[in-house]
Structure formats: structure tokens, C-alpha cells
Protein backbone atom coordinates (compact mmCIF):
# COMPACT_ATOMS: atom_id res chain seq x y z
CA MET A 1 2.25 -23.45 4.14
CA VAL A 2 2.56 -22.45 7.96
CA ILE A 3 2.39 -19.33 8.78
CA ILE A 4 5.50 -18.62 11.56
CA LYS A 5 5.67 -14.96 11.88
CA LYS A 6 3.05 -11.90 12.01
CA VAL A 7 4.43 -8.30 10.36
CA PHE A 8 2.62 -5.42 10.96
CA ILE A 9 2.78 -2.81 7.91
CA SER A 10 3.79 0.55 9.13
CA HIS A 11 3.38 2.50 5.85
CA PRO A 12 2.22 7.02 5.13
CA TYR A 13 -1.58 6.83 3.78
CA SER A 14 -2.95 9.61 4.33
CA ASN A 15 -0.39 12.56 2.25
CA ASN A 16 -1.86 10.59 -0.85
CA PRO A 17 -4.40 7.97 -0.20
CA GLU A 18 -4.74 6.41 -3.34
CA GLY A 19 -1.23 6.46 -4.14
CA ASN A 20 0.24 4.74 -1.06
CA PHE A 21 -2.27 2.34 -1.06
CA LYS A 22 -1.23 1.20 -4.71
CA LYS A 23 2.58 1.47 -3.71
CA VAL A 24 1.85 -0.57 0.12
CA ASP A 25 -0.34 -3.04 -2.29
CA LYS A 26 2.78 -3.82 -4.67
CA LEU A 27 5.63 -4.13 -1.64
CA ILE A 28 3.37 -6.49 -0.31
CA ARG A 29 2.80 -9.12 -2.86
CA LYS A 30 6.62 -8.77 -3.69
CA LEU A 31 7.39 -9.58 0.14
CA ARG A 32 5.37 -12.39 -0.16
CA THR A 33 7.41 -13.86 -2.98
CA GLN A 34 10.42 -13.67 -0.44
CA TYR A 35 8.84 -14.46 2.89
CA HIS A 36 6.72 -17.74 2.31
CA ASP A 37 6.56 -18.19 6.66
CA VAL A 38 4.94 -14.27 7.15
CA LEU A 39 1.61 -13.40 7.74
CA PHE A 40 1.82 -9.57 6.85
CA ILE A 41 -0.26 -7.37 8.82
CA SER A 42 -1.30 -4.06 6.55
CA PRO A 43 -3.86 -1.79 8.11
CA LEU A 44 -3.97 0.11 4.81
CA HIS A 45 -5.81 -2.86 3.59
CA LEU A 46 -7.65 -3.61 6.65
CA PHE A 47 -9.19 -0.14 6.69
CA SER A 48 -10.06 0.45 3.15
CA TYR A 49 -13.80 0.69 3.43
CA PHE A 50 -13.31 3.79 5.43
CA ASP A 51 -14.62 7.40 4.42
CA LYS A 52 -10.92 8.64 4.91
CA GLU A 53 -12.85 12.81 5.16
CA GLU A 54 -15.05 11.10 8.29
CA ASP A 55 -13.37 13.20 11.22
CA GLY A 56 -12.61 11.77 14.17
CA PHE A 57 -11.38 8.44 12.32
CA ARG A 58 -8.03 8.76 12.26
CA GLN A 59 -7.46 8.11 16.18
CA PRO A 60 -9.86 4.98 16.84
CA ILE A 61 -7.99 3.80 13.53
CA LEU A 62 -4.86 4.39 14.81
CA ASN A 63 -5.89 2.98 18.36
CA PHE A 64 -6.48 -0.48 16.67
CA CYS A 65 -3.61 -0.71 15.32
CA PHE A 66 -1.72 -0.20 18.81
CA SER A 67 -3.80 -3.85 19.47
CA LEU A 68 -2.77 -5.00 16.11
CA ILE A 69 0.83 -4.32 16.81
CA ASP A 70 0.68 -6.13 20.93
CA GLU A 71 -0.66 -9.28 18.69
CA CYS A 72 2.27 -8.83 16.19
CA ASP A 73 5.75 -10.71 16.20
CA GLU A 74 7.49 -7.47 14.60
CA ILE A 75 6.72 -4.20 12.65
CA TRP A 76 8.08 -3.56 9.69
CA ILE A 77 8.79 0.09 8.61
CA LEU A 78 8.09 1.01 5.08
CA GLY A 79 7.85 4.75 5.15
CA LEU A 80 7.86 7.76 7.54
CA SER A 81 4.86 10.02 8.63
CA ASP A 82 2.94 10.74 11.89
CA GLY A 83 1.25 7.82 11.93
CA CYS A 84 4.08 5.27 11.04
CA ILE A 85 6.71 7.29 13.92
CA ALA A 86 3.45 6.28 16.77
CA GLU A 87 3.36 3.15 14.84
CA ARG A 88 7.49 2.87 15.68
CA ASN A 89 6.82 4.85 19.40
CA TYR A 90 4.33 2.05 20.80
CA ALA A 91 6.20 -1.03 19.21
CA LYS A 92 8.87 0.49 20.59
CA GLU A 93 7.05 0.90 24.21
CA VAL A 94 5.49 -2.77 24.60
CA GLY A 95 8.69 -4.33 23.21
CA THR A 96 7.94 -5.24 19.85
CA LYS A 97 10.82 -5.84 17.29
CA ILE A 98 11.50 -2.74 15.00
CA VAL A 99 12.26 -3.64 11.44
CA TRP A 100 13.18 -0.68 9.29
CA LYS A 101 12.90 -1.09 5.43
CA VAL A 102 12.55 2.44 4.70
């Protein structure tokens, strides 16, 4: 398998952490069967070890997501939340292609 494209996955999390993690995990597994040349970058998977109740975790993670968006060819929006909107706005600002999958 040759990775041709890196895609950042923007998906809601905080309103239902466990349910949203399961949902995005299922979506990415399905997408992998359809897009063999794509590496999906999922912040929900990358930061799953964080204690979500910890004060102040959200903004540092969002800033790291922005850095990941800089490294990706596209951002796919798979839901709507404040975090998804911030990621979309950042992608628009830096010129990363935005694909709506909502």
C-alpha cells in the first residue's frame, strides 16, 4: 500500500466522549476499505489517553490539531461541534482542502 494522501479527521468528541470515539472509530474503519491510498489522522485516537476531565487540556490539544492539519493534504469534517468549527476555520485560513462528510 502506498500512502498518497494524509487526511485529518474532524469529528465531535466532548459532548459524548465514549459514544463519539466509537462512532469515529467505526467510520474510519469503513473509510479505510474505500480509500486504500489515504492515511487517516484521527485526533480522537491520538489523544485517547488524556484525562478529559483535566482542566486546560482542550486548547493545547486543539493547537496540536492545527499542527497536524498543517501536515495533511485535506481535512474531512465528519460532524459539527465547536472543535470541528475551529479546525475548519484553521484549515480555511491556511489553505488546506476541506471536504464535508456530514
